[in-house]
């Protein structure tokens, strides 16, 4: 009898202790997810700043393009003439 009762008592104690561990693990996961979200948000802001910088560069290139226009036309005529 004792041999059968002792394991069940241990099993009950183990069953009572088990639910606490997953909850703590879930809390850690939630904290970890929040930390990842903060990192992603900062990364998105950095990408947005880079995009603005690229747009400024493209705008400068467009302004410079009219100066190159005549040279491109002459080059196209020479290629066509050959």
N, C-alpha and C. Protein backbone atom coordinates (compact mmCIF):
# COMPACT_ATOMS: atom_id res chain seq x y z
N UNK A 1 0.83 -1.21 0.00
CA UNK A 1 0.00 0.00 0.00
C UNK A 1 0.87 1.26 0.00
N UNK A 2 1.87 1.30 0.87
CA UNK A 2 2.68 2.52 0.95
C UNK A 2 3.37 2.79 -0.39
N UNK A 3 3.84 1.73 -1.01
CA UNK A 3 4.54 1.92 -2.28
C UNK A 3 3.63 2.55 -3.32
N UNK A 4 2.34 2.28 -3.26
CA UNK A 4 1.42 2.83 -4.26
C UNK A 4 1.02 4.25 -3.90
N UNK A 5 0.91 4.54 -2.59
CA UNK A 5 0.43 5.86 -2.18
C UNK A 5 1.53 6.92 -2.32
N UNK A 6 2.77 6.57 -2.02
CA UNK A 6 3.83 7.58 -2.04
C UNK A 6 4.00 8.21 -3.42
N UNK A 7 4.05 7.44 -4.51
CA UNK A 7 4.20 8.06 -5.83
C UNK A 7 3.03 8.98 -6.17
N UNK A 8 1.81 8.63 -5.76
CA UNK A 8 0.66 9.49 -6.08
C UNK A 8 0.79 10.81 -5.33
N UNK A 9 1.27 10.78 -4.11
CA UNK A 9 1.44 12.02 -3.34
C UNK A 9 2.50 12.88 -4.02
N UNK A 10 3.59 12.26 -4.44
CA UNK A 10 4.63 13.01 -5.14
C UNK A 10 4.08 13.56 -6.45
N UNK A 11 3.26 12.77 -7.12
CA UNK A 11 2.69 13.20 -8.39
C UNK A 11 1.77 14.39 -8.18
N UNK A 12 1.02 14.38 -7.09
CA UNK A 12 0.12 15.51 -6.81
C UNK A 12 0.93 16.77 -6.55
N UNK A 13 1.99 16.65 -5.75
CA UNK A 13 2.83 17.81 -5.46
C UNK A 13 3.45 18.34 -6.75
N UNK A 14 3.90 17.42 -7.59
CA UNK A 14 4.52 17.82 -8.86
C UNK A 14 3.48 18.52 -9.73
N UNK A 15 2.24 18.00 -9.72
CA UNK A 15 1.20 18.59 -10.55
C UNK A 15 0.88 20.01 -10.06
N UNK A 16 0.93 20.22 -8.75
CA UNK A 16 0.64 21.55 -8.21
C UNK A 16 1.79 22.51 -8.54
N UNK A 17 3.01 22.01 -8.55
CA UNK A 17 4.15 22.88 -8.82
C UNK A 17 4.27 23.21 -10.31
N UNK A 18 3.86 22.30 -11.15
CA UNK A 18 4.06 22.47 -12.60
C UNK A 18 3.40 23.73 -13.17
N UNK A 19 2.12 24.03 -12.86
CA UNK A 19 1.47 25.18 -13.50
C UNK A 19 2.23 26.49 -13.26
N UNK A 20 2.95 26.61 -12.17
CA UNK A 20 3.64 27.87 -11.86
C UNK A 20 4.78 28.11 -12.84
N UNK A 21 5.47 27.06 -13.23
CA UNK A 21 6.64 27.23 -14.10
C UNK A 21 6.25 27.77 -15.48
N UNK A 22 5.23 27.19 -16.13
CA UNK A 22 4.86 27.72 -17.46
C UNK A 22 4.44 29.19 -17.40
N UNK A 23 3.78 29.61 -16.34
CA UNK A 23 3.35 31.01 -16.24
C UNK A 23 4.57 31.92 -16.21
N UNK A 24 5.56 31.54 -15.41
CA UNK A 24 6.78 32.36 -15.35
C UNK A 24 7.45 32.40 -16.72
N UNK A 25 7.42 31.28 -17.41
CA UNK A 25 8.05 31.21 -18.73
C UNK A 25 7.30 32.10 -19.71
N UNK A 26 5.97 32.11 -19.61
CA UNK A 26 5.18 32.97 -20.50
C UNK A 26 5.49 34.44 -20.24
N UNK A 27 5.63 34.82 -18.98
CA UNK A 27 5.94 36.21 -18.67
C UNK A 27 7.29 36.60 -19.27
N UNK A 28 8.25 35.71 -19.18
CA UNK A 28 9.55 36.00 -19.78
C UNK A 28 9.43 36.16 -21.28
N UNK A 29 8.61 35.30 -21.91
CA UNK A 29 8.42 35.41 -23.35
C UNK A 29 7.77 36.75 -23.70
N UNK A 30 6.79 37.18 -22.93
CA UNK A 30 6.11 38.45 -23.21
C UNK A 30 7.10 39.60 -23.08
N UNK A 31 7.92 39.58 -22.05
CA UNK A 31 8.92 40.64 -21.88
C UNK A 31 9.89 40.62 -23.06
N UNK A 32 10.26 39.43 -23.49
CA UNK A 32 11.20 39.30 -24.61
C UNK A 32 10.54 39.83 -25.88
N UNK A 33 9.25 39.54 -26.08
CA UNK A 33 8.56 40.04 -27.27
C UNK A 33 8.48 41.56 -27.25
N UNK A 34 8.18 42.14 -26.09
CA UNK A 34 8.12 43.60 -26.00
C UNK A 34 9.48 44.21 -26.35
N UNK A 35 10.54 43.58 -25.90
CA UNK A 35 11.88 44.10 -26.19
C UNK A 35 12.15 44.02 -27.69
N UNK A 36 11.73 42.92 -28.32
CA UNK A 36 11.92 42.79 -29.77
C UNK A 36 11.11 43.86 -30.50
N UNK A 37 9.89 44.12 -30.05
CA UNK A 37 9.05 45.12 -30.71
C UNK A 37 9.72 46.49 -30.62
N UNK A 38 10.30 46.81 -29.49
CA UNK A 38 10.97 48.10 -29.35
C UNK A 38 12.15 48.18 -30.32
N UNK A 39 12.91 47.12 -30.45
CA UNK A 39 14.04 47.12 -31.38
C UNK A 39 13.54 47.29 -32.81
N UNK A 40 12.46 46.60 -33.17
CA UNK A 40 11.93 46.70 -34.52
C UNK A 40 11.46 48.12 -34.78
N UNK A 41 10.85 48.76 -33.79
CA UNK A 41 10.34 50.12 -33.98
C UNK A 41 11.50 51.08 -34.23
N UNK A 42 12.56 50.93 -33.48
CA UNK A 42 13.73 51.79 -33.69
C UNK A 42 14.32 51.54 -35.08
N UNK A 43 14.33 50.29 -35.51
CA UNK A 43 14.90 49.94 -36.81
C UNK A 43 14.06 50.56 -37.92
N UNK A 44 12.75 50.57 -37.77
CA UNK A 44 11.88 51.17 -38.78
C UNK A 44 12.17 52.67 -38.87
N UNK A 45 12.38 53.33 -37.76
CA UNK A 45 12.68 54.76 -37.79
C UNK A 45 13.99 54.99 -38.54
N UNK A 46 14.97 54.16 -38.33
CA UNK A 46 16.24 54.31 -39.04
C UNK A 46 16.04 54.13 -40.53
N UNK A 47 15.25 53.16 -40.94
CA UNK A 47 14.98 52.95 -42.36
C UNK A 47 14.29 54.17 -42.94
N UNK A 48 13.37 54.76 -42.18
CA UNK A 48 12.63 55.91 -42.68
C UNK A 48 13.59 57.08 -42.90
N UNK A 49 14.53 57.26 -42.00
CA UNK A 49 15.51 58.34 -42.17
C UNK A 49 16.37 58.07 -43.41
N UNK A 50 16.75 56.83 -43.63
CA UNK A 50 17.56 56.49 -44.80
C UNK A 50 16.77 56.76 -46.08
N UNK A 51 15.48 56.45 -46.09
CA UNK A 51 14.67 56.69 -47.28
C UNK A 51 14.61 58.19 -47.58
N UNK A 52 14.45 59.01 -46.57
CA UNK A 52 14.41 60.46 -46.79
C UNK A 52 15.75 60.91 -47.38
N UNK A 53 16.83 60.36 -46.89
CA UNK A 53 18.15 60.75 -47.39
C UNK A 53 18.30 60.34 -48.86
N UNK A 54 17.83 59.16 -49.21
CA UNK A 54 17.90 58.71 -50.60
C UNK A 54 17.06 59.62 -51.50
N UNK A 55 15.90 60.04 -51.02
CA UNK A 55 15.05 60.92 -51.83
C UNK A 55 15.78 62.24 -52.09
N UNK A 56 16.47 62.76 -51.12
CA UNK A 56 17.21 64.00 -51.31
C UNK A 56 18.30 63.80 -52.36
N UNK A 57 18.99 62.68 -52.32
CA UNK A 57 20.04 62.42 -53.31
C UNK A 57 19.44 62.32 -54.70
N UNK A 58 18.31 61.63 -54.84
CA UNK A 58 17.67 61.50 -56.14
C UNK A 58 17.27 62.88 -56.66
N UNK A 59 16.80 63.74 -55.78
CA UNK A 59 16.36 65.07 -56.20
C UNK A 59 17.57 65.87 -56.71
N UNK A 60 18.69 65.74 -56.05
CA UNK A 60 19.89 66.45 -56.50
C UNK A 60 20.33 65.92 -57.87
N UNK A 61 20.24 64.62 -58.07
CA UNK A 61 20.63 64.04 -59.36
C UNK A 61 19.72 64.56 -60.46
N UNK A 62 18.44 64.71 -60.19
CA UNK A 62 17.51 65.21 -61.20
C UNK A 62 17.86 66.65 -61.56
N UNK A 63 18.28 67.44 -60.60
CA UNK A 63 18.65 68.83 -60.90
C UNK A 63 19.91 68.86 -61.77
N UNK A 64 20.84 67.96 -61.52
CA UNK A 64 22.08 67.93 -62.30
C UNK A 64 21.84 67.37 -63.70
N UNK A 65 20.80 66.58 -63.87
CA UNK A 65 20.57 65.89 -65.14
C UNK A 65 20.42 66.84 -66.33
N UNK A 66 19.71 67.97 -66.23
CA UNK A 66 19.58 68.87 -67.38
C UNK A 66 20.95 69.32 -67.91
N UNK A 67 21.94 69.46 -67.05
CA UNK A 67 23.27 69.86 -67.52
C UNK A 67 23.88 68.75 -68.37
N UNK A 68 23.59 67.49 -68.03
CA UNK A 68 24.13 66.37 -68.79
C UNK A 68 23.30 66.13 -70.05
N UNK A 69 22.11 66.71 -70.12
CA UNK A 69 21.19 66.45 -71.23
C UNK A 69 21.84 66.63 -72.60
N UNK A 70 22.41 67.79 -72.92
CA UNK A 70 23.00 68.02 -74.25
C UNK A 70 24.09 67.00 -74.57
N UNK A 71 24.91 66.63 -73.59
CA UNK A 71 25.99 65.66 -73.83
C UNK A 71 25.38 64.31 -74.19
N UNK A 72 24.29 63.92 -73.53
CA UNK A 72 23.63 62.65 -73.82
C UNK A 72 23.06 62.70 -75.23
N UNK A 73 22.45 63.83 -75.62
CA UNK A 73 21.88 63.95 -76.96
C UNK A 73 22.99 63.84 -78.01
N UNK A 74 24.11 64.53 -77.82
CA UNK A 74 25.22 64.47 -78.77
C UNK A 74 25.75 63.04 -78.88
N UNK A 75 25.86 62.36 -77.75
CA UNK A 75 26.36 60.98 -77.75
C UNK A 75 25.40 60.09 -78.53
N UNK A 76 24.10 60.30 -78.35
CA UNK A 76 23.10 59.49 -79.06
C UNK A 76 23.19 59.78 -80.56
N UNK A 77 23.42 61.02 -80.96
CA UNK A 77 23.52 61.36 -82.38
C UNK A 77 24.76 60.71 -82.99
N UNK A 78 25.87 60.75 -82.27
CA UNK A 78 27.10 60.13 -82.78
C UNK A 78 26.89 58.63 -82.97
N UNK A 79 26.24 57.98 -81.99
CA UNK A 79 25.99 56.54 -82.11
C UNK A 79 25.07 56.29 -83.31
N UNK A 80 24.06 57.18 -83.48
CA UNK A 80 23.13 57.01 -84.59
C UNK A 80 23.82 57.28 -85.92
N UNK A 81 24.74 58.27 -85.95
CA UNK A 81 25.43 58.62 -87.19
C UNK A 81 26.33 57.49 -87.64
N UNK A 82 26.96 56.81 -86.72
CA UNK A 82 27.84 55.70 -87.09
C UNK A 82 26.98 54.58 -87.67
